[in-house]
Amino acid sequence: MKKILWILGLIVLSFILTMVLADLFSLYHFGDLPTFTTLTYLLFSFSFFTYLFLFLFYIVCKRMKKEKIGVKKIISFLLFFVSMLFLLGFMVVLNLDWLTYYSMGNSSPFSTFVLVRSLEFLLPGILLSIVGVLLLFKSKEEN
């Protein structure tokens, strides 16, 4: 029961941190109606902070029980973390390049430049996620 309360507390903390940082960086002000892009950023940053807090909570719980954490498991968790950073970069680059291209008077926002620049972040994020899943399953098979 204590773990569930800790997990719920970490989720609430990540929600609060997401809203504070969104207001601090003028991404979203509480009470406004968010656009689709803003909502995507908020959901992604919430999931990012939640994953980070739960990963740290997992490590602390394992250390308190004096259990060993496998190297493959840690690497897979870190790969997920880096893949989330790449996916955040994908969303930011796609939005910024699209706004720049569209503001220059071009009629089609999805030019080759915008797609190639966004794929530079999307493909490594997807590949790192796949490698992380494979490592996680491989580490579970060895246990």
Protein backbone atom coordinates (compact mmCIF):
# COMPACT_ATOMS: atom_id res chain seq x y z
CA MET A 1 0.00 0.00 0.00
CA LYS A 2 2.90 2.35 0.72
CA LYS A 3 4.30 1.83 -2.78
CA ILE A 4 0.98 2.74 -4.36
CA LEU A 5 0.80 5.94 -2.31
CA TRP A 6 4.39 6.80 -3.26
CA ILE A 7 3.65 6.17 -6.94
CA LEU A 8 0.49 8.31 -6.80
CA GLY A 9 2.47 11.03 -5.03
CA LEU A 10 5.15 10.93 -7.73
CA ILE A 11 2.49 11.19 -10.44
CA VAL A 12 0.96 14.22 -8.71
CA LEU A 13 4.45 15.72 -8.31
CA SER A 14 5.18 15.26 -12.01
CA PHE A 15 1.84 16.88 -12.89
CA ILE A 16 2.63 19.86 -10.66
CA LEU A 17 6.15 20.13 -12.10
CA THR A 18 4.75 19.98 -15.63
CA MET A 19 2.29 22.78 -14.96
CA VAL A 20 4.84 24.96 -13.16
CA LEU A 21 7.41 24.60 -15.96
CA ALA A 22 4.74 25.16 -18.63
CA ASP A 23 3.72 28.38 -16.93
CA LEU A 24 7.33 29.39 -16.32
CA PHE A 25 8.27 28.96 -19.99
CA SER A 26 4.95 30.50 -21.15
CA LEU A 27 3.97 27.31 -22.89
CA TYR A 28 0.62 27.14 -21.15
CA HIS A 29 -1.12 29.27 -18.55
CA PHE A 30 -3.55 27.47 -16.27
CA GLY A 31 -7.14 28.17 -17.25
CA ASP A 32 -6.46 28.83 -20.95
CA LEU A 33 -7.77 26.54 -23.66
CA PRO A 34 -4.72 24.68 -25.00
CA THR A 35 -4.09 24.09 -28.68
CA PHE A 36 -3.31 20.62 -29.99
CA THR A 37 0.43 21.33 -30.03
CA THR A 38 0.37 22.70 -26.49
CA LEU A 39 -1.62 19.72 -25.29
CA THR A 40 0.89 17.39 -26.93
CA TYR A 41 3.78 19.16 -25.23
CA LEU A 42 2.01 19.03 -21.86
CA LEU A 43 1.20 15.33 -22.16
CA PHE A 44 4.70 14.51 -23.29
CA SER A 45 6.39 16.49 -20.53
CA PHE A 46 4.04 14.92 -17.97
CA SER A 47 4.91 11.43 -19.19
CA PHE A 48 8.60 12.37 -19.28
CA PHE A 49 8.65 13.54 -15.65
CA THR A 50 6.52 10.59 -14.54
CA TYR A 51 8.89 8.14 -16.21
CA LEU A 52 11.90 9.86 -14.68
CA PHE A 53 10.43 9.87 -11.16
CA LEU A 54 9.24 6.26 -11.39
CA PHE A 55 12.63 5.14 -12.70
CA LEU A 56 14.38 6.82 -9.78
CA PHE A 57 11.80 5.34 -7.38
CA TYR A 58 12.48 1.87 -8.82
CA ILE A 59 16.22 2.26 -8.28
CA VAL A 60 15.74 3.54 -4.72
CA CYS A 61 13.39 0.66 -3.84
CA LYS A 62 15.84 -1.90 -5.23
CA ARG A 63 18.73 -0.31 -3.31
CA MET A 64 16.76 -0.20 -0.06
CA LYS A 65 16.01 -3.92 -0.39
CA LYS A 66 19.67 -4.46 -1.29
CA GLU A 67 18.67 -6.21 -4.50
CA LYS A 68 20.91 -6.18 -7.53
CA ILE A 69 19.78 -4.39 -10.67
CA GLY A 70 20.99 -5.93 -13.90
CA VAL A 71 23.13 -3.85 -16.23
CA LYS A 72 20.90 -4.69 -19.20
CA LYS A 73 17.85 -3.49 -17.30
CA ILE A 74 19.50 -0.17 -16.43
CA ILE A 75 20.68 0.30 -20.01
CA SER A 76 17.19 -0.43 -21.34
CA PHE A 77 15.66 2.12 -18.94
CA LEU A 78 18.23 4.72 -20.00
CA LEU A 79 17.54 3.96 -23.68
CA PHE A 80 13.85 4.65 -23.07
CA PHE A 81 14.79 7.91 -21.39
CA VAL A 82 17.00 9.00 -24.33
CA SER A 83 14.35 7.92 -26.83
CA MET A 84 11.84 10.14 -25.03
CA LEU A 85 14.27 13.04 -25.41
CA PHE A 86 14.57 12.32 -29.13
CA LEU A 87 10.79 12.20 -29.49
CA LEU A 88 10.51 15.53 -27.68
CA GLY A 89 13.12 16.91 -30.08
CA PHE A 90 11.03 15.55 -32.96
CA MET A 91 7.96 17.43 -31.78
CA VAL A 92 9.85 20.67 -31.18
CA VAL A 93 11.72 20.60 -34.50
CA LEU A 94 8.62 19.69 -36.47
CA ASN A 95 6.65 22.52 -34.90
CA LEU A 96 9.41 25.15 -35.23
CA ASP A 97 10.34 24.22 -38.79
CA TRP A 98 6.71 24.07 -39.81
CA LEU A 99 6.06 27.53 -38.35
CA THR A 100 9.16 28.97 -40.04
CA TYR A 101 8.34 27.43 -43.40
CA TYR A 102 4.68 28.40 -43.22
CA SER A 103 5.41 31.98 -42.14
CA MET A 104 7.63 32.52 -45.19
CA GLY A 105 4.54 32.36 -47.41
CA ASN A 106 4.84 28.80 -48.64
CA SER A 107 1.52 27.11 -49.14
CA SER A 108 2.49 23.56 -48.21
CA PRO A 109 3.82 23.28 -44.66
CA PHE A 110 5.19 19.76 -45.11
CA SER A 111 8.15 20.40 -47.32
CA THR A 112 11.02 18.00 -47.74
CA PHE A 113 13.13 20.10 -45.40
CA VAL A 114 10.60 19.92 -42.58
CA LEU A 115 10.11 16.18 -42.96
CA VAL A 116 13.83 15.38 -43.16
CA ARG A 117 14.66 17.52 -40.15
CA SER A 118 11.91 15.92 -38.10
CA LEU A 119 12.94 12.41 -39.15
CA GLU A 120 16.43 13.11 -37.81
CA PHE A 121 14.87 12.98 -34.35
CA LEU A 122 12.04 10.50 -34.92
CA LEU A 123 14.05 7.57 -36.29
CA PRO A 124 16.67 7.44 -33.50
CA GLY A 125 13.89 7.72 -30.92
CA ILE A 126 12.02 4.77 -32.41
CA LEU A 127 15.18 2.70 -32.82
CA LEU A 128 16.26 3.34 -29.23
CA SER A 129 12.82 2.34 -27.99
CA ILE A 130 12.99 -0.93 -29.94
CA VAL A 131 16.49 -1.71 -28.66
CA GLY A 132 15.36 -0.89 -25.11
CA VAL A 133 12.41 -3.29 -25.38
CA LEU A 134 14.64 -6.03 -26.76
CA LEU A 135 17.17 -5.55 -23.95
CA LEU A 136 14.42 -5.53 -21.33
CA PHE A 137 12.94 -8.80 -22.61
CA LYS A 138 16.39 -10.34 -22.90
CA SER A 139 17.21 -9.39 -19.30
CA LYS A 140 13.90 -10.91 -18.11
CA GLU A 141 14.67 -14.17 -19.92
CA GLU A 142 18.05 -14.43 -18.18
CA ASN A 143 16.54 -13.98 -14.69
